[in-house]
All heavy atoms as atom14 arrays in JSON, in Angstrom:
{
  "sequence": "RNITEAPMRVLGLSRAEAEALAEEYLQLVGMMEHADKFPR",
  "atom14_mask": [
    [1, 1, 1, 1, 1, 1, 1, 1, 1, 1, 1, 0, 0, 0],
    [1, 1, 1, 1, 1, 1, 1, 1, 0, 0, 0, 0, 0, 0],
    [1, 1, 1, 1, 1, 1, 1, 1, 0, 0, 0, 0, 0, 0],
    [1, 1, 1, 1, 1, 1, 1, 0, 0, 0, 0, 0, 0, 0],
    [1, 1, 1, 1, 1, 1, 1, 1, 1, 0, 0, 0, 0, 0],
    [1, 1, 1, 1, 1, 0, 0, 0, 0, 0, 0, 0, 0, 0],
    [1, 1, 1, 1, 1, 1, 1, 0, 0, 0, 0, 0, 0, 0],
    [1, 1, 1, 1, 1, 1, 1, 1, 0, 0, 0, 0, 0, 0],
    [1, 1, 1, 1, 1, 1, 1, 1, 1, 1, 1, 0, 0, 0],
    [1, 1, 1, 1, 1, 1, 1, 0, 0, 0, 0, 0, 0, 0],
    [1, 1, 1, 1, 1, 1, 1, 1, 0, 0, 0, 0, 0, 0],
    [1, 1, 1, 1, 0, 0, 0, 0, 0, 0, 0, 0, 0, 0],
    [1, 1, 1, 1, 1, 1, 1, 1, 0, 0, 0, 0, 0, 0],
    [1, 1, 1, 1, 1, 1, 0, 0, 0, 0, 0, 0, 0, 0],
    [1, 1, 1, 1, 1, 1, 1, 1, 1, 1, 1, 0, 0, 0],
    [1, 1, 1, 1, 1, 0, 0, 0, 0, 0, 0, 0, 0, 0],
    [1, 1, 1, 1, 1, 1, 1, 1, 1, 0, 0, 0, 0, 0],
    [1, 1, 1, 1, 1, 0, 0, 0, 0, 0, 0, 0, 0, 0],
    [1, 1, 1, 1, 1, 1, 1, 1, 1, 0, 0, 0, 0, 0],
    [1, 1, 1, 1, 1, 0, 0, 0, 0, 0, 0, 0, 0, 0],
    [1, 1, 1, 1, 1, 1, 1, 1, 0, 0, 0, 0, 0, 0],
    [1, 1, 1, 1, 1, 0, 0, 0, 0, 0, 0, 0, 0, 0],
    [1, 1, 1, 1, 1, 1, 1, 1, 1, 0, 0, 0, 0, 0],
    [1, 1, 1, 1, 1, 1, 1, 1, 1, 0, 0, 0, 0, 0],
    [1, 1, 1, 1, 1, 1, 1, 1, 1, 1, 1, 1, 0, 0],
    [1, 1, 1, 1, 1, 1, 1, 1, 0, 0, 0, 0, 0, 0],
    [1, 1, 1, 1, 1, 1, 1, 1, 1, 0, 0, 0, 0, 0],
    [1, 1, 1, 1, 1, 1, 1, 1, 0, 0, 0, 0, 0, 0],
    [1, 1, 1, 1, 1, 1, 1, 0, 0, 0, 0, 0, 0, 0],
    [1, 1, 1, 1, 0, 0, 0, 0, 0, 0, 0, 0, 0, 0],
    [1, 1, 1, 1, 1, 1, 1, 1, 0, 0, 0, 0, 0, 0],
    [1, 1, 1, 1, 1, 1, 1, 1, 0, 0, 0, 0, 0, 0],
    [1, 1, 1, 1, 1, 1, 1, 1, 1, 0, 0, 0, 0, 0],
    [1, 1, 1, 1, 1, 1, 1, 1, 1, 1, 0, 0, 0, 0],
    [1, 1, 1, 1, 1, 0, 0, 0, 0, 0, 0, 0, 0, 0],
    [1, 1, 1, 1, 1, 1, 1, 1, 0, 0, 0, 0, 0, 0],
    [1, 1, 1, 1, 1, 1, 1, 1, 1, 0, 0, 0, 0, 0],
    [1, 1, 1, 1, 1, 1, 1, 1, 1, 1, 1, 0, 0, 0],
    [1, 1, 1, 1, 1, 1, 1, 0, 0, 0, 0, 0, 0, 0],
    [1, 1, 1, 1, 1, 1, 1, 1, 1, 1, 1, 0, 0, 0]
  ],
  "atom14_positions": [
    [[21.25, 14.14, 56.35], [20.3, 13.29, 55.63], [20.12, 11.94, 56.34], [19.05, 11.35, 56.3], [20.74, 13.08, 54.19], [19.62, 12.47, 53.35], [19.9, 12.44, 51.88], [19.0, 11.48, 51.26], [19.29, 10.73, 50.22], [20.48, 10.81, 49.65], [18.4, 9.88, 49.72], [0.0, 0.0, 0.0], [0.0, 0.0, 0.0], [0.0, 0.0, 0.0]],
    [[21.17, 11.45, 57.0], [21.03, 10.23, 57.81], [19.92, 10.39, 58.84], [19.23, 9.42, 59.16], [22.35, 9.9, 58.52], [23.15, 8.82, 57.82], [22.83, 7.65, 57.9], [24.19, 9.25, 57.1], [0.0, 0.0, 0.0], [0.0, 0.0, 0.0], [0.0, 0.0, 0.0], [0.0, 0.0, 0.0], [0.0, 0.0, 0.0], [0.0, 0.0, 0.0]],
    [[19.76, 11.59, 59.35], [18.77, 11.83, 60.4], [17.39, 12.16, 59.83], [16.37, 11.77, 60.4], [19.26, 12.95, 61.34], [20.55, 12.49, 62.03], [18.2, 13.34, 62.36], [21.25, 13.55, 62.82], [0.0, 0.0, 0.0], [0.0, 0.0, 0.0], [0.0, 0.0, 0.0], [0.0, 0.0, 0.0], [0.0, 0.0, 0.0], [0.0, 0.0, 0.0]],
    [[17.33, 12.86, 58.69], [16.03, 13.29, 58.16], [15.3, 12.2, 57.37], [14.08, 12.25, 57.23], [16.18, 14.52, 57.25], [17.08, 14.2, 56.17], [16.73, 15.72, 58.01], [0.0, 0.0, 0.0], [0.0, 0.0, 0.0], [0.0, 0.0, 0.0], [0.0, 0.0, 0.0], [0.0, 0.0, 0.0], [0.0, 0.0, 0.0], [0.0, 0.0, 0.0]],
    [[16.03, 11.21, 56.88], [15.44, 10.24, 55.96], [14.26, 9.48, 56.58], [13.16, 9.42, 56.01], [16.51, 9.27, 55.48], [16.13, 8.45, 54.28], [16.14, 9.23, 52.97], [16.51, 10.42, 52.97], [15.77, 8.63, 51.95], [0.0, 0.0, 0.0], [0.0, 0.0, 0.0], [0.0, 0.0, 0.0], [0.0, 0.0, 0.0], [0.0, 0.0, 0.0]],
    [[14.47, 8.88, 57.75], [13.41, 8.06, 58.36], [12.21, 8.88, 58.81], [11.06, 8.48, 58.59], [13.98, 7.23, 59.51], [0.0, 0.0, 0.0], [0.0, 0.0, 0.0], [0.0, 0.0, 0.0], [0.0, 0.0, 0.0], [0.0, 0.0, 0.0], [0.0, 0.0, 0.0], [0.0, 0.0, 0.0], [0.0, 0.0, 0.0], [0.0, 0.0, 0.0]],
    [[12.4, 10.04, 59.46], [11.22, 10.84, 59.82], [10.36, 11.22, 58.62], [9.13, 11.25, 58.73], [11.83, 12.08, 60.49], [13.11, 11.59, 61.07], [13.63, 10.58, 60.08], [0.0, 0.0, 0.0], [0.0, 0.0, 0.0], [0.0, 0.0, 0.0], [0.0, 0.0, 0.0], [0.0, 0.0, 0.0], [0.0, 0.0, 0.0], [0.0, 0.0, 0.0]],
    [[10.98, 11.45, 57.47], [10.18, 11.77, 56.27], [9.49, 10.54, 55.73], [8.29, 10.56, 55.44], [11.08, 12.41, 55.2], [11.51, 13.83, 55.52], [12.27, 14.7, 54.11], [13.76, 13.75, 53.85], [0.0, 0.0, 0.0], [0.0, 0.0, 0.0], [0.0, 0.0, 0.0], [0.0, 0.0, 0.0], [0.0, 0.0, 0.0], [0.0, 0.0, 0.0]],
    [[10.23, 9.44, 55.62], [9.67, 8.23, 55.0], [8.7, 7.48, 55.92], [7.67, 7.0, 55.47], [10.8, 7.26, 54.6], [11.6, 7.72, 53.39], [12.7, 6.72, 53.1], [13.48, 7.11, 51.94], [13.22, 6.71, 50.7], [12.19, 5.91, 50.48], [13.98, 7.1, 49.68], [0.0, 0.0, 0.0], [0.0, 0.0, 0.0], [0.0, 0.0, 0.0]],
    [[9.05, 7.4, 57.2], [8.26, 6.58, 58.13], [7.19, 7.39, 58.85], [6.05, 6.96, 58.99], [9.19, 5.87, 59.15], [8.38, 5.03, 60.13], [10.22, 5.01, 58.43], [0.0, 0.0, 0.0], [0.0, 0.0, 0.0], [0.0, 0.0, 0.0], [0.0, 0.0, 0.0], [0.0, 0.0, 0.0], [0.0, 0.0, 0.0], [0.0, 0.0, 0.0]],
    [[7.57, 8.58, 59.32], [6.62, 9.4, 60.07], [5.83, 10.36, 59.18], [4.87, 10.99, 59.64], [7.35, 10.21, 61.16], [8.14, 9.4, 62.2], [8.74, 10.34, 63.24], [7.26, 8.35, 62.85], [0.0, 0.0, 0.0], [0.0, 0.0, 0.0], [0.0, 0.0, 0.0], [0.0, 0.0, 0.0], [0.0, 0.0, 0.0], [0.0, 0.0, 0.0]],
    [[6.27, 10.5, 57.92], [5.55, 11.38, 56.99], [5.78, 12.86, 57.23], [4.95, 13.69, 56.83], [0.0, 0.0, 0.0], [0.0, 0.0, 0.0], [0.0, 0.0, 0.0], [0.0, 0.0, 0.0], [0.0, 0.0, 0.0], [0.0, 0.0, 0.0], [0.0, 0.0, 0.0], [0.0, 0.0, 0.0], [0.0, 0.0, 0.0], [0.0, 0.0, 0.0]],
    [[6.9, 13.21, 57.87], [7.19, 14.62, 58.1], [7.62, 15.29, 56.8], [8.17, 14.66, 55.91], [8.3, 14.79, 59.14], [8.06, 14.24, 60.54], [9.2, 14.69, 61.46], [6.72, 14.67, 61.1], [0.0, 0.0, 0.0], [0.0, 0.0, 0.0], [0.0, 0.0, 0.0], [0.0, 0.0, 0.0], [0.0, 0.0, 0.0], [0.0, 0.0, 0.0]],
    [[7.36, 16.59, 56.71], [7.87, 17.36, 55.58], [9.38, 17.52, 55.72], [9.93, 17.32, 56.81], [7.22, 18.75, 55.54], [7.68, 19.51, 56.65], [0.0, 0.0, 0.0], [0.0, 0.0, 0.0], [0.0, 0.0, 0.0], [0.0, 0.0, 0.0], [0.0, 0.0, 0.0], [0.0, 0.0, 0.0], [0.0, 0.0, 0.0], [0.0, 0.0, 0.0]],
    [[10.04, 17.9, 54.65], [11.48, 18.1, 54.73], [11.82, 19.17, 55.77], [12.77, 19.01, 56.55], [12.05, 18.49, 53.36], [13.58, 18.71, 53.39], [14.17, 18.8, 52.0], [14.07, 17.56, 51.27], [14.89, 16.52, 51.43], [15.88, 16.58, 52.31], [14.74, 15.44, 50.71], [0.0, 0.0, 0.0], [0.0, 0.0, 0.0], [0.0, 0.0, 0.0]],
    [[11.04, 20.23, 55.79], [11.31, 21.32, 56.75], [11.18, 20.82, 58.18], [12.0, 21.16, 59.05], [10.36, 22.48, 56.5], [0.0, 0.0, 0.0], [0.0, 0.0, 0.0], [0.0, 0.0, 0.0], [0.0, 0.0, 0.0], [0.0, 0.0, 0.0], [0.0, 0.0, 0.0], [0.0, 0.0, 0.0], [0.0, 0.0, 0.0], [0.0, 0.0, 0.0]],
    [[10.15, 20.01, 58.45], [9.96, 19.47, 59.8], [11.11, 18.53, 60.18], [11.63, 18.58, 61.3], [8.63, 18.71, 59.87], [7.4, 19.59, 59.82], [6.12, 18.79, 59.65], [6.14, 17.74, 58.95], [5.09, 19.2, 60.22], [0.0, 0.0, 0.0], [0.0, 0.0, 0.0], [0.0, 0.0, 0.0], [0.0, 0.0, 0.0], [0.0, 0.0, 0.0]],
    [[11.51, 17.69, 59.22], [12.59, 16.74, 59.49], [13.92, 17.47, 59.69], [14.72, 17.09, 60.55], [12.7, 15.74, 58.33], [0.0, 0.0, 0.0], [0.0, 0.0, 0.0], [0.0, 0.0, 0.0], [0.0, 0.0, 0.0], [0.0, 0.0, 0.0], [0.0, 0.0, 0.0], [0.0, 0.0, 0.0], [0.0, 0.0, 0.0], [0.0, 0.0, 0.0]],
    [[14.12, 18.52, 58.92], [15.36, 19.31, 59.07], [15.4, 19.97, 60.45], [16.45, 20.02, 61.09], [15.42, 20.39, 57.98], [15.57, 19.85, 56.57], [17.02, 19.76, 56.13], [17.91, 20.13, 56.92], [17.25, 19.31, 54.99], [0.0, 0.0, 0.0], [0.0, 0.0, 0.0], [0.0, 0.0, 0.0], [0.0, 0.0, 0.0], [0.0, 0.0, 0.0]],
    [[14.27, 20.47, 60.9], [14.22, 21.11, 62.22], [14.52, 20.1, 63.32], [15.26, 20.4, 64.27], [12.85, 21.75, 62.43], [0.0, 0.0, 0.0], [0.0, 0.0, 0.0], [0.0, 0.0, 0.0], [0.0, 0.0, 0.0], [0.0, 0.0, 0.0], [0.0, 0.0, 0.0], [0.0, 0.0, 0.0], [0.0, 0.0, 0.0], [0.0, 0.0, 0.0]],
    [[13.96, 18.89, 63.19], [14.25, 17.83, 64.15], [15.73, 17.48, 64.14], [16.35, 17.31, 65.19], [13.44, 16.58, 63.81], [12.09, 16.35, 64.48], [11.57, 14.97, 64.09], [12.2, 16.45, 65.99], [0.0, 0.0, 0.0], [0.0, 0.0, 0.0], [0.0, 0.0, 0.0], [0.0, 0.0, 0.0], [0.0, 0.0, 0.0], [0.0, 0.0, 0.0]],
    [[16.29, 17.35, 62.94], [17.71, 16.99, 62.81], [18.58, 18.02, 63.51], [19.52, 17.67, 64.25], [18.09, 16.87, 61.34], [0.0, 0.0, 0.0], [0.0, 0.0, 0.0], [0.0, 0.0, 0.0], [0.0, 0.0, 0.0], [0.0, 0.0, 0.0], [0.0, 0.0, 0.0], [0.0, 0.0, 0.0], [0.0, 0.0, 0.0], [0.0, 0.0, 0.0]],
    [[18.26, 19.29, 63.33], [19.06, 20.34, 63.97], [18.93, 20.28, 65.49], [19.91, 20.44, 66.21], [18.64, 21.71, 63.43], [19.02, 21.9, 61.96], [18.92, 23.34, 61.51], [18.71, 24.23, 62.36], [19.07, 23.57, 60.29], [0.0, 0.0, 0.0], [0.0, 0.0, 0.0], [0.0, 0.0, 0.0], [0.0, 0.0, 0.0], [0.0, 0.0, 0.0]],
    [[17.69, 20.03, 65.95], [17.47, 19.94, 67.4], [18.33, 18.85, 68.02], [19.0, 19.07, 69.05], [15.98, 19.65, 67.66], [15.64, 19.44, 69.12], [14.2, 19.01, 69.34], [13.38, 19.14, 68.4], [13.89, 18.54, 70.45], [0.0, 0.0, 0.0], [0.0, 0.0, 0.0], [0.0, 0.0, 0.0], [0.0, 0.0, 0.0], [0.0, 0.0, 0.0]],
    [[18.34, 17.68, 67.39], [19.05, 16.55, 68.01], [20.55, 16.58, 67.72], [21.34, 16.09, 68.54], [18.41, 15.24, 67.58], [17.06, 15.08, 68.24], [15.89, 15.03, 67.49], [16.96, 15.01, 69.63], [14.65, 14.91, 68.11], [15.72, 14.9, 70.25], [14.58, 14.86, 69.5], [13.36, 14.76, 70.12], [0.0, 0.0, 0.0], [0.0, 0.0, 0.0]],
    [[20.95, 17.17, 66.61], [22.39, 17.35, 66.39], [22.97, 18.33, 67.4], [24.1, 18.15, 67.87], [22.65, 17.82, 64.95], [22.53, 16.73, 63.88], [22.61, 17.33, 62.49], [23.61, 15.66, 64.06], [0.0, 0.0, 0.0], [0.0, 0.0, 0.0], [0.0, 0.0, 0.0], [0.0, 0.0, 0.0], [0.0, 0.0, 0.0], [0.0, 0.0, 0.0]],
    [[22.2, 19.36, 67.74], [22.65, 20.27, 68.8], [22.76, 19.51, 70.12], [23.74, 19.68, 70.86], [21.63, 21.43, 68.96], [21.54, 22.38, 67.79], [22.69, 23.4, 67.75], [23.66, 23.29, 68.51], [22.59, 24.36, 66.86], [0.0, 0.0, 0.0], [0.0, 0.0, 0.0], [0.0, 0.0, 0.0], [0.0, 0.0, 0.0], [0.0, 0.0, 0.0]],
    [[21.79, 18.67, 70.4], [21.76, 17.92, 71.65], [23.0, 17.05, 71.81], [23.56, 16.94, 72.91], [20.5, 17.05, 71.71], [20.3, 16.19, 72.95], [20.0, 17.06, 74.18], [19.19, 15.18, 72.74], [0.0, 0.0, 0.0], [0.0, 0.0, 0.0], [0.0, 0.0, 0.0], [0.0, 0.0, 0.0], [0.0, 0.0, 0.0], [0.0, 0.0, 0.0]],
    [[23.44, 16.41, 70.71], [24.6, 15.51, 70.81], [25.91, 16.2, 70.43], [26.94, 15.55, 70.33], [24.4, 14.24, 69.94], [23.15, 13.49, 70.36], [24.34, 14.58, 68.45], [0.0, 0.0, 0.0], [0.0, 0.0, 0.0], [0.0, 0.0, 0.0], [0.0, 0.0, 0.0], [0.0, 0.0, 0.0], [0.0, 0.0, 0.0], [0.0, 0.0, 0.0]],
    [[25.85, 17.52, 70.23], [27.06, 18.28, 69.95], [27.66, 18.04, 68.58], [28.89, 18.1, 68.41], [0.0, 0.0, 0.0], [0.0, 0.0, 0.0], [0.0, 0.0, 0.0], [0.0, 0.0, 0.0], [0.0, 0.0, 0.0], [0.0, 0.0, 0.0], [0.0, 0.0, 0.0], [0.0, 0.0, 0.0], [0.0, 0.0, 0.0], [0.0, 0.0, 0.0]],
    [[26.81, 17.8, 67.57], [27.32, 17.46, 66.24], [26.81, 18.39, 65.14], [26.97, 18.1, 63.95], [26.94, 16.02, 65.9], [27.69, 14.97, 66.68], [29.47, 14.97, 66.33], [29.47, 14.44, 64.62], [0.0, 0.0, 0.0], [0.0, 0.0, 0.0], [0.0, 0.0, 0.0], [0.0, 0.0, 0.0], [0.0, 0.0, 0.0], [0.0, 0.0, 0.0]],
    [[26.2, 19.52, 65.5], [25.6, 20.39, 64.49], [26.63, 20.89, 63.47], [26.34, 20.99, 62.28], [24.9, 21.57, 65.18], [24.05, 22.41, 64.25], [22.74, 21.44, 63.46], [22.71, 22.17, 61.83], [0.0, 0.0, 0.0], [0.0, 0.0, 0.0], [0.0, 0.0, 0.0], [0.0, 0.0, 0.0], [0.0, 0.0, 0.0], [0.0, 0.0, 0.0]],
    [[27.84, 21.14, 63.92], [28.86, 21.68, 63.01], [29.31, 20.65, 61.97], [29.97, 20.99, 60.99], [30.07, 22.18, 63.8], [30.84, 21.06, 64.5], [31.84, 21.59, 65.51], [31.43, 21.94, 66.63], [33.03, 21.67, 65.15], [0.0, 0.0, 0.0], [0.0, 0.0, 0.0], [0.0, 0.0, 0.0], [0.0, 0.0, 0.0], [0.0, 0.0, 0.0]],
    [[28.94, 19.38, 62.18], [29.33, 18.32, 61.25], [28.16, 17.85, 60.38], [28.25, 16.81, 59.73], [29.87, 17.12, 62.04], [31.04, 17.46, 62.92], [32.3, 17.7, 62.41], [31.13, 17.62, 64.26], [33.13, 17.98, 63.42], [32.43, 17.93, 64.55], [0.0, 0.0, 0.0], [0.0, 0.0, 0.0], [0.0, 0.0, 0.0], [0.0, 0.0, 0.0]],
    [[27.08, 18.63, 60.35], [25.84, 18.19, 59.7], [26.01, 17.84, 58.23], [25.3, 16.98, 57.71], [24.76, 19.26, 59.86], [0.0, 0.0, 0.0], [0.0, 0.0, 0.0], [0.0, 0.0, 0.0], [0.0, 0.0, 0.0], [0.0, 0.0, 0.0], [0.0, 0.0, 0.0], [0.0, 0.0, 0.0], [0.0, 0.0, 0.0], [0.0, 0.0, 0.0]],
    [[26.92, 18.5, 57.55], [27.05, 18.28, 56.1], [28.24, 17.4, 55.74], [28.61, 17.29, 54.56], [27.12, 19.63, 55.38], [25.83, 20.43, 55.57], [24.75, 19.83, 55.38], [25.9, 21.6, 55.96], [0.0, 0.0, 0.0], [0.0, 0.0, 0.0], [0.0, 0.0, 0.0], [0.0, 0.0, 0.0], [0.0, 0.0, 0.0], [0.0, 0.0, 0.0]],
    [[28.82, 16.75, 56.73], [29.89, 15.8, 56.47], [29.31, 14.41, 56.22], [28.15, 14.13, 56.51], [30.85, 15.73, 57.67], [31.68, 17.0, 57.86], [32.63, 16.85, 59.02], [33.49, 18.11, 59.2], [34.37, 18.01, 60.38], [0.0, 0.0, 0.0], [0.0, 0.0, 0.0], [0.0, 0.0, 0.0], [0.0, 0.0, 0.0], [0.0, 0.0, 0.0]],
    [[30.13, 13.52, 55.69], [29.75, 12.13, 55.5], [30.34, 11.3, 56.64], [31.35, 11.69, 57.25], [30.26, 11.62, 54.15], [29.52, 12.2, 52.98], [29.94, 13.39, 52.39], [28.37, 11.58, 52.48], [29.24, 13.94, 51.33], [27.66, 12.12, 51.43], [28.1, 13.3, 50.84], [0.0, 0.0, 0.0], [0.0, 0.0, 0.0], [0.0, 0.0, 0.0]],
    [[29.75, 10.15, 56.96], [30.22, 9.34, 58.08], [31.73, 9.05, 58.04], [32.38, 9.04, 59.09], [29.4, 8.05, 57.95], [28.1, 8.52, 57.37], [28.49, 9.6, 56.4], [0.0, 0.0, 0.0], [0.0, 0.0, 0.0], [0.0, 0.0, 0.0], [0.0, 0.0, 0.0], [0.0, 0.0, 0.0], [0.0, 0.0, 0.0], [0.0, 0.0, 0.0]],
    [[32.28, 8.82, 56.84], [33.71, 8.49, 56.76], [34.6, 9.63, 57.24], [35.8, 9.42, 57.51], [34.07, 8.12, 55.31], [33.93, 9.26, 54.33], [34.35, 8.88, 52.92], [34.19, 9.98, 51.98], [33.08, 10.28, 51.35], [31.99, 9.53, 51.52], [33.01, 11.32, 50.53], [0.0, 0.0, 0.0], [0.0, 0.0, 0.0], [0.0, 0.0, 0.0]]
  ]
}
């Protein structure tokens, strides 16, 4: 949600589009397996 929030609010992307972007970039930085964790 940290990643999808701004694309939806600022760029006007749908949730599905924002989720797809989040997965793309989480894969890129090697963090996809942590997608549902909290920062702490």
